[in-house]
Amino acid sequence: MGIGRLAPQRMRARYARALAEIPLPVRSFAGIDPCALTVLGETEIADRRLRFGVLVGTPRLWIALAESDSGVSPEGSVALSVPSVLGYLTGLDSGAPELHITELDELDWSRKPGRAAQIKREAMTVWRSAQRECEG
């Protein structure tokens, strides 16, 4: 990139695009029951099963970690872990979704290179598919 009169604007634009890719930590949502979500779709990203769903009364596409085998108990039965809410996406209708992470233990996982973009891409696919089915 050469130095020119538009260099500051180009740098600001690149910085804004880079910031848009970083998942935002959110501490305000607690107590969302992942079992209460109406699941619209599932996908697997980086060996984790994610469920995308909606919750009545909140205009967001929620992301929950699907239940998984957490191991075999000493009695020999398989123990399932309780699913947790990873976060939610907003701005789906604008075409530029924002990823908000409510489970701060998963923040490092979601910030791995390319992972937030992959989550957003899959969420948009699920969202568009759900809209097509609802609108007929």
N, C-alpha and C. Protein backbone atom coordinates (compact mmCIF):
# COMPACT_ATOMS: atom_id res chain seq x y z
N MET A 1 0.84 -1.17 0.00
CA MET A 1 0.00 0.00 0.00
C MET A 1 0.88 1.23 0.00
N GLY A 2 0.71 2.06 -0.98
CA GLY A 2 1.47 3.30 -1.07
C GLY A 2 0.87 4.37 -0.20
N ILE A 3 1.67 5.36 0.06
CA ILE A 3 1.18 6.47 0.86
C ILE A 3 0.49 7.44 -0.09
N GLY A 4 -0.70 7.74 0.20
CA GLY A 4 -1.48 8.66 -0.61
C GLY A 4 -2.47 9.38 0.27
N ARG A 5 -3.24 10.23 -0.34
CA ARG A 5 -4.17 11.01 0.47
C ARG A 5 -5.32 10.17 1.03
N LEU A 6 -5.58 8.97 0.47
CA LEU A 6 -6.65 8.11 0.97
C LEU A 6 -6.16 7.02 1.92
N ALA A 7 -4.87 7.02 2.23
CA ALA A 7 -4.30 6.00 3.10
C ALA A 7 -4.97 5.96 4.48
N PRO A 8 -5.24 7.09 5.14
CA PRO A 8 -5.90 7.02 6.45
C PRO A 8 -7.30 6.39 6.38
N GLN A 9 -8.04 6.70 5.34
CA GLN A 9 -9.38 6.13 5.20
C GLN A 9 -9.32 4.63 4.96
N ARG A 10 -8.35 4.21 4.17
CA ARG A 10 -8.20 2.76 3.91
C ARG A 10 -7.80 2.03 5.18
N MET A 11 -6.92 2.64 5.97
CA MET A 11 -6.50 2.01 7.22
C MET A 11 -7.67 1.92 8.20
N ARG A 12 -8.48 2.98 8.28
CA ARG A 12 -9.65 2.94 9.15
C ARG A 12 -10.64 1.87 8.71
N ALA A 13 -10.82 1.74 7.40
CA ALA A 13 -11.75 0.73 6.87
C ALA A 13 -11.25 -0.67 7.20
N ARG A 14 -9.95 -0.92 7.05
CA ARG A 14 -9.39 -2.23 7.38
C ARG A 14 -9.52 -2.52 8.87
N TYR A 15 -9.28 -1.49 9.68
CA TYR A 15 -9.40 -1.65 11.13
C TYR A 15 -10.85 -1.95 11.52
N ALA A 16 -11.79 -1.27 10.90
CA ALA A 16 -13.21 -1.51 11.19
C ALA A 16 -13.61 -2.92 10.79
N ARG A 17 -13.11 -3.42 9.64
CA ARG A 17 -13.43 -4.80 9.23
C ARG A 17 -12.83 -5.80 10.20
N ALA A 18 -11.61 -5.55 10.67
CA ALA A 18 -10.98 -6.46 11.63
C ALA A 18 -11.73 -6.47 12.95
N LEU A 19 -12.18 -5.32 13.41
CA LEU A 19 -12.95 -5.27 14.65
C LEU A 19 -14.28 -5.98 14.53
N ALA A 20 -14.88 -5.92 13.36
CA ALA A 20 -16.18 -6.57 13.15
C ALA A 20 -16.08 -8.09 13.23
N GLU A 21 -14.90 -8.64 13.02
CA GLU A 21 -14.71 -10.09 13.07
C GLU A 21 -14.48 -10.62 14.48
N ILE A 22 -14.21 -9.76 15.43
CA ILE A 22 -13.92 -10.21 16.79
C ILE A 22 -15.23 -10.40 17.55
N PRO A 23 -15.45 -11.59 18.14
CA PRO A 23 -16.66 -11.79 18.95
C PRO A 23 -16.63 -10.88 20.18
N LEU A 24 -17.77 -10.31 20.49
CA LEU A 24 -17.87 -9.39 21.62
C LEU A 24 -18.32 -10.11 22.88
N PRO A 25 -17.60 -9.97 23.99
CA PRO A 25 -18.05 -10.59 25.23
C PRO A 25 -19.22 -9.82 25.83
N VAL A 26 -20.21 -10.54 26.32
CA VAL A 26 -21.40 -9.93 26.92
C VAL A 26 -21.63 -10.61 28.25
N ARG A 27 -21.83 -9.82 29.29
CA ARG A 27 -22.05 -10.39 30.62
C ARG A 27 -23.48 -10.20 31.11
N SER A 28 -24.31 -9.54 30.32
CA SER A 28 -25.63 -9.18 30.81
C SER A 28 -26.66 -10.29 30.72
N PHE A 29 -26.46 -11.30 29.87
CA PHE A 29 -27.44 -12.36 29.73
C PHE A 29 -27.01 -13.57 30.54
N ALA A 30 -27.81 -13.90 31.52
CA ALA A 30 -27.55 -15.09 32.32
C ALA A 30 -28.88 -15.79 32.55
N GLY A 31 -28.82 -17.06 32.70
CA GLY A 31 -30.03 -17.81 33.00
C GLY A 31 -30.87 -18.18 31.79
N ILE A 32 -30.32 -18.06 30.59
CA ILE A 32 -31.06 -18.49 29.40
C ILE A 32 -31.01 -20.01 29.36
N ASP A 33 -32.18 -20.62 29.29
CA ASP A 33 -32.26 -22.08 29.26
C ASP A 33 -32.09 -22.56 27.82
N PRO A 34 -31.00 -23.27 27.51
CA PRO A 34 -30.79 -23.74 26.15
C PRO A 34 -31.83 -24.76 25.70
N CYS A 35 -32.47 -25.42 26.65
CA CYS A 35 -33.50 -26.39 26.28
C CYS A 35 -34.80 -25.70 25.85
N ALA A 36 -34.95 -24.40 26.17
CA ALA A 36 -36.15 -23.65 25.80
C ALA A 36 -36.06 -23.07 24.39
N LEU A 37 -34.90 -23.18 23.76
CA LEU A 37 -34.73 -22.64 22.41
C LEU A 37 -35.49 -23.47 21.39
N THR A 38 -36.08 -22.79 20.42
CA THR A 38 -36.65 -23.46 19.25
C THR A 38 -35.50 -23.62 18.26
N VAL A 39 -35.00 -24.83 18.11
CA VAL A 39 -33.81 -25.09 17.31
C VAL A 39 -34.15 -24.98 15.83
N LEU A 40 -33.39 -24.13 15.13
CA LEU A 40 -33.57 -23.95 13.69
C LEU A 40 -32.57 -24.78 12.88
N GLY A 41 -31.44 -25.08 13.48
CA GLY A 41 -30.44 -25.86 12.76
C GLY A 41 -29.26 -26.19 13.66
N GLU A 42 -28.46 -27.13 13.18
CA GLU A 42 -27.25 -27.54 13.89
C GLU A 42 -26.10 -27.62 12.91
N THR A 43 -24.91 -27.46 13.44
CA THR A 43 -23.70 -27.61 12.64
C THR A 43 -22.55 -27.99 13.56
N GLU A 44 -21.48 -28.44 12.97
CA GLU A 44 -20.28 -28.77 13.74
C GLU A 44 -19.16 -27.84 13.30
N ILE A 45 -18.59 -27.16 14.27
CA ILE A 45 -17.47 -26.25 14.02
C ILE A 45 -16.37 -26.58 15.01
N ALA A 46 -15.21 -26.92 14.49
CA ALA A 46 -14.04 -27.22 15.31
C ALA A 46 -14.35 -28.26 16.38
N ASP A 47 -14.92 -29.38 15.97
CA ASP A 47 -15.24 -30.51 16.85
C ASP A 47 -16.25 -30.18 17.94
N ARG A 48 -17.03 -29.14 17.75
CA ARG A 48 -18.10 -28.82 18.69
C ARG A 48 -19.41 -28.70 17.92
N ARG A 49 -20.41 -29.30 18.48
CA ARG A 49 -21.75 -29.28 17.86
C ARG A 49 -22.49 -28.04 18.36
N LEU A 50 -22.87 -27.17 17.44
CA LEU A 50 -23.58 -25.95 17.78
C LEU A 50 -25.02 -26.03 17.31
N ARG A 51 -25.92 -25.53 18.13
CA ARG A 51 -27.34 -25.43 17.77
C ARG A 51 -27.70 -23.96 17.66
N PHE A 52 -28.41 -23.63 16.59
CA PHE A 52 -28.89 -22.27 16.40
C PHE A 52 -30.38 -22.28 16.65
N GLY A 53 -30.85 -21.36 17.47
CA GLY A 53 -32.27 -21.33 17.79
C GLY A 53 -32.74 -19.96 18.19
N VAL A 54 -34.04 -19.85 18.31
CA VAL A 54 -34.66 -18.59 18.72
C VAL A 54 -35.40 -18.81 20.03
N LEU A 55 -35.61 -17.72 20.72
CA LEU A 55 -36.32 -17.73 21.99
C LEU A 55 -37.43 -16.69 21.89
N VAL A 56 -38.63 -17.07 22.27
CA VAL A 56 -39.78 -16.18 22.16
C VAL A 56 -39.50 -14.90 22.96
N GLY A 57 -39.72 -13.77 22.33
CA GLY A 57 -39.58 -12.50 23.01
C GLY A 57 -38.21 -11.85 22.90
N THR A 58 -37.23 -12.52 22.32
CA THR A 58 -35.91 -11.93 22.15
C THR A 58 -35.52 -12.01 20.68
N PRO A 59 -35.30 -10.88 20.04
CA PRO A 59 -34.99 -10.87 18.60
C PRO A 59 -33.52 -11.19 18.32
N ARG A 60 -33.13 -12.40 18.63
CA ARG A 60 -31.74 -12.82 18.42
C ARG A 60 -31.72 -14.26 17.94
N LEU A 61 -30.65 -14.61 17.28
CA LEU A 61 -30.41 -16.01 16.94
C LEU A 61 -29.41 -16.53 17.96
N TRP A 62 -29.88 -17.39 18.84
CA TRP A 62 -29.06 -17.90 19.93
C TRP A 62 -28.22 -19.07 19.45
N ILE A 63 -27.05 -19.23 20.06
CA ILE A 63 -26.15 -20.34 19.76
C ILE A 63 -25.94 -21.10 21.06
N ALA A 64 -26.25 -22.39 21.02
CA ALA A 64 -26.04 -23.24 22.20
C ALA A 64 -25.10 -24.37 21.83
N LEU A 65 -24.28 -24.76 22.76
CA LEU A 65 -23.44 -25.93 22.57
C LEU A 65 -24.32 -27.14 22.80
N ALA A 66 -24.33 -28.06 21.86
CA ALA A 66 -25.18 -29.25 21.97
C ALA A 66 -24.67 -30.15 23.07
N GLU A 67 -25.58 -30.99 23.56
CA GLU A 67 -25.20 -31.96 24.57
C GLU A 67 -24.15 -32.90 23.99
N SER A 68 -23.23 -33.30 24.82
CA SER A 68 -22.20 -34.22 24.36
C SER A 68 -21.89 -35.22 25.47
N ASP A 69 -21.26 -36.31 25.07
CA ASP A 69 -20.85 -37.30 26.06
C ASP A 69 -19.69 -36.73 26.85
N SER A 70 -19.84 -36.67 28.15
CA SER A 70 -18.76 -36.15 28.98
C SER A 70 -17.94 -37.28 29.60
N GLY A 71 -18.25 -38.48 29.24
CA GLY A 71 -17.48 -39.60 29.75
C GLY A 71 -18.35 -40.68 30.33
N VAL A 72 -17.71 -41.72 30.82
CA VAL A 72 -18.42 -42.84 31.41
C VAL A 72 -18.23 -42.77 32.91
N SER A 73 -19.34 -42.85 33.62
CA SER A 73 -19.28 -42.80 35.09
C SER A 73 -18.74 -44.12 35.62
N PRO A 74 -18.33 -44.15 36.89
CA PRO A 74 -17.82 -45.39 37.47
C PRO A 74 -18.83 -46.53 37.43
N GLU A 75 -20.13 -46.21 37.40
CA GLU A 75 -21.14 -47.26 37.34
C GLU A 75 -21.28 -47.83 35.93
N GLY A 76 -20.62 -47.21 34.97
CA GLY A 76 -20.68 -47.72 33.60
C GLY A 76 -21.68 -47.01 32.72
N SER A 77 -22.43 -46.05 33.26
CA SER A 77 -23.39 -45.34 32.43
C SER A 77 -22.72 -44.12 31.80
N VAL A 78 -23.24 -43.71 30.66
CA VAL A 78 -22.69 -42.55 29.97
C VAL A 78 -23.34 -41.31 30.54
N ALA A 79 -22.51 -40.36 30.95
CA ALA A 79 -23.02 -39.12 31.51
C ALA A 79 -23.07 -38.06 30.43
N LEU A 80 -24.21 -37.39 30.30
CA LEU A 80 -24.34 -36.32 29.33
C LEU A 80 -24.17 -34.98 30.04
N SER A 81 -23.44 -34.10 29.40
CA SER A 81 -23.29 -32.77 29.97
C SER A 81 -24.50 -31.93 29.58
N VAL A 82 -24.82 -30.97 30.40
CA VAL A 82 -25.94 -30.09 30.13
C VAL A 82 -25.48 -29.06 29.09
N PRO A 83 -26.30 -28.82 28.06
CA PRO A 83 -25.89 -27.84 27.06
C PRO A 83 -25.83 -26.44 27.67
N SER A 84 -24.97 -25.61 27.12
CA SER A 84 -24.88 -24.24 27.60
C SER A 84 -25.03 -23.29 26.42
N VAL A 85 -25.43 -22.08 26.70
CA VAL A 85 -25.60 -21.08 25.66
C VAL A 85 -24.24 -20.43 25.42
N LEU A 86 -23.78 -20.49 24.17
CA LEU A 86 -22.51 -19.88 23.79
C LEU A 86 -22.67 -18.38 23.63
N GLY A 87 -23.77 -17.97 23.00
CA GLY A 87 -24.00 -16.54 22.77
C GLY A 87 -25.14 -16.33 21.80
N TYR A 88 -25.12 -15.21 21.13
CA TYR A 88 -26.18 -14.91 20.18
C TYR A 88 -25.64 -14.01 19.07
N LEU A 89 -26.42 -13.93 17.99
CA LEU A 89 -26.08 -13.06 16.86
C LEU A 89 -27.18 -12.04 16.68
N THR A 90 -26.78 -10.84 16.33
CA THR A 90 -27.72 -9.79 15.99
C THR A 90 -27.36 -9.26 14.60
N GLY A 91 -28.26 -8.51 14.00
CA GLY A 91 -27.99 -7.91 12.70
C GLY A 91 -28.07 -8.89 11.54
N LEU A 92 -28.85 -9.94 11.69
CA LEU A 92 -28.94 -10.94 10.63
C LEU A 92 -29.65 -10.40 9.39
N ASP A 93 -30.64 -9.53 9.57
CA ASP A 93 -31.36 -8.98 8.44
C ASP A 93 -30.55 -7.95 7.67
N SER A 94 -29.56 -7.37 8.31
CA SER A 94 -28.72 -6.37 7.64
C SER A 94 -27.64 -7.02 6.78
N GLY A 95 -27.40 -8.31 6.98
CA GLY A 95 -26.36 -8.99 6.23
C GLY A 95 -24.98 -8.87 6.87
N ALA A 96 -24.88 -8.12 7.95
CA ALA A 96 -23.61 -7.97 8.67
C ALA A 96 -23.83 -8.35 10.13
N PRO A 97 -23.91 -9.66 10.41
CA PRO A 97 -24.21 -10.09 11.78
C PRO A 97 -23.06 -9.80 12.75
N GLU A 98 -23.43 -9.59 14.00
CA GLU A 98 -22.45 -9.41 15.07
C GLU A 98 -22.60 -10.58 16.03
N LEU A 99 -21.47 -11.16 16.40
CA LEU A 99 -21.45 -12.30 17.30
C LEU A 99 -21.16 -11.81 18.72
N HIS A 100 -22.04 -12.16 19.64
CA HIS A 100 -21.90 -11.78 21.04
C HIS A 100 -21.77 -13.07 21.85
N ILE A 101 -20.69 -13.19 22.62
CA ILE A 101 -20.43 -14.39 23.41
C ILE A 101 -20.84 -14.14 24.86
N THR A 102 -21.78 -14.94 25.35
CA THR A 102 -22.24 -14.81 26.73
C THR A 102 -21.52 -15.77 27.67
N GLU A 103 -21.01 -16.86 27.13
CA GLU A 103 -20.28 -17.85 27.93
C GLU A 103 -18.80 -17.49 27.86
N LEU A 104 -18.33 -16.74 28.86
CA LEU A 104 -16.97 -16.20 28.80
C LEU A 104 -15.90 -17.28 28.83
N ASP A 105 -16.24 -18.49 29.29
CA ASP A 105 -15.28 -19.59 29.26
C ASP A 105 -14.99 -20.02 27.82
N GLU A 106 -15.90 -19.72 26.91
CA GLU A 106 -15.75 -20.11 25.50
C GLU A 106 -15.21 -18.96 24.64
N LEU A 107 -14.87 -17.85 25.25
CA LEU A 107 -14.41 -16.70 24.49
C LEU A 107 -13.12 -16.99 23.72
N ASP A 108 -12.17 -17.66 24.36
CA ASP A 108 -10.92 -17.99 23.67
C ASP A 108 -11.16 -18.92 22.49
N TRP A 109 -12.06 -19.89 22.66
CA TRP A 109 -12.38 -20.82 21.57
C TRP A 109 -12.98 -20.06 20.38
N SER A 110 -13.87 -19.12 20.66
CA SER A 110 -14.54 -18.39 19.58
C SER A 110 -13.63 -17.38 18.89
N ARG A 111 -12.55 -17.00 19.54
CA ARG A 111 -11.63 -16.01 18.96
C ARG A 111 -10.50 -16.62 18.16
N LYS A 112 -10.48 -17.93 18.00
CA LYS A 112 -9.47 -18.56 17.15
C LYS A 112 -9.62 -18.02 15.73
N PRO A 113 -8.54 -17.93 14.97
CA PRO A 113 -8.62 -17.34 13.62
C PRO A 113 -9.66 -18.03 12.73
N GLY A 114 -10.54 -17.24 12.18
CA GLY A 114 -11.55 -17.72 11.25
C GLY A 114 -12.78 -18.35 11.88
N ARG A 115 -12.75 -18.59 13.18
CA ARG A 115 -13.86 -19.29 13.81
C ARG A 115 -15.12 -18.43 13.90
N ALA A 116 -14.96 -17.17 14.26
CA ALA A 116 -16.12 -16.28 14.35
C ALA A 116 -16.77 -16.12 12.98
N ALA A 117 -15.95 -16.00 11.95
CA ALA A 117 -16.49 -15.87 10.59
C ALA A 117 -17.24 -17.13 10.19
N GLN A 118 -16.73 -18.29 10.58
CA GLN A 118 -17.40 -19.55 10.27
C GLN A 118 -18.73 -19.67 11.01
N ILE A 119 -18.75 -19.25 12.27
CA ILE A 119 -20.00 -19.28 13.05
C ILE A 119 -21.03 -18.35 12.40
N LYS A 120 -20.59 -17.16 12.02
CA LYS A 120 -21.50 -16.20 11.38
C LYS A 120 -22.03 -16.74 10.06
N ARG A 121 -21.16 -17.35 9.28
CA ARG A 121 -21.56 -17.91 7.98
C ARG A 121 -22.61 -19.00 8.16
N GLU A 122 -22.37 -19.91 9.09
CA GLU A 122 -23.33 -20.99 9.35
C GLU A 122 -24.64 -20.44 9.90
N ALA A 123 -24.55 -19.42 10.76
CA ALA A 123 -25.75 -18.81 11.32
C ALA A 123 -26.59 -18.16 10.23
N MET A 124 -25.94 -17.49 9.29
CA MET A 124 -26.67 -16.86 8.19
C MET A 124 -27.35 -17.92 7.32
N THR A 125 -26.68 -19.04 7.10
CA THR A 125 -27.28 -20.13 6.33
C THR A 125 -28.53 -20.66 7.02
N VAL A 126 -28.44 -20.89 8.32
CA VAL A 126 -29.58 -21.39 9.09
C VAL A 126 -30.70 -20.35 9.09
N TRP A 127 -30.36 -19.09 9.28
CA TRP A 127 -31.35 -18.02 9.33
C TRP A 127 -32.11 -17.89 8.01
N ARG A 128 -31.37 -17.91 6.90
CA ARG A 128 -32.02 -17.80 5.58
C ARG A 128 -32.89 -18.99 5.29
N SER A 129 -32.43 -20.16 5.69
CA SER A 129 -33.22 -21.38 5.49
C SER A 129 -34.53 -21.32 6.29
N ALA A 130 -34.44 -20.84 7.53
CA ALA A 130 -35.64 -20.72 8.37
C ALA A 130 -36.60 -19.68 7.79
N GLN A 131 -36.08 -18.60 7.26
CA GLN A 131 -36.93 -17.58 6.66
C GLN A 131 -37.66 -18.13 5.42
N ARG A 132 -36.94 -18.90 4.60
CA ARG A 132 -37.57 -19.49 3.40
C ARG A 132 -38.70 -20.43 3.80
N GLU A 133 -38.48 -21.24 4.84
CA GLU A 133 -39.52 -22.17 5.28
C GLU A 133 -40.72 -21.45 5.86
N CYS A 134 -40.48 -20.37 6.61
CA CYS A 134 -41.58 -19.66 7.25
C CYS A 134 -42.38 -18.83 6.24
N GLU A 135 -41.70 -18.28 5.25
CA GLU A 135 -42.39 -17.42 4.28
C GLU A 135 -43.02 -18.23 3.14
N GLY A 136 -42.63 -19.48 3.03
CA GLY A 136 -43.24 -20.35 2.03
C GLY A 136 -42.60 -20.32 0.75
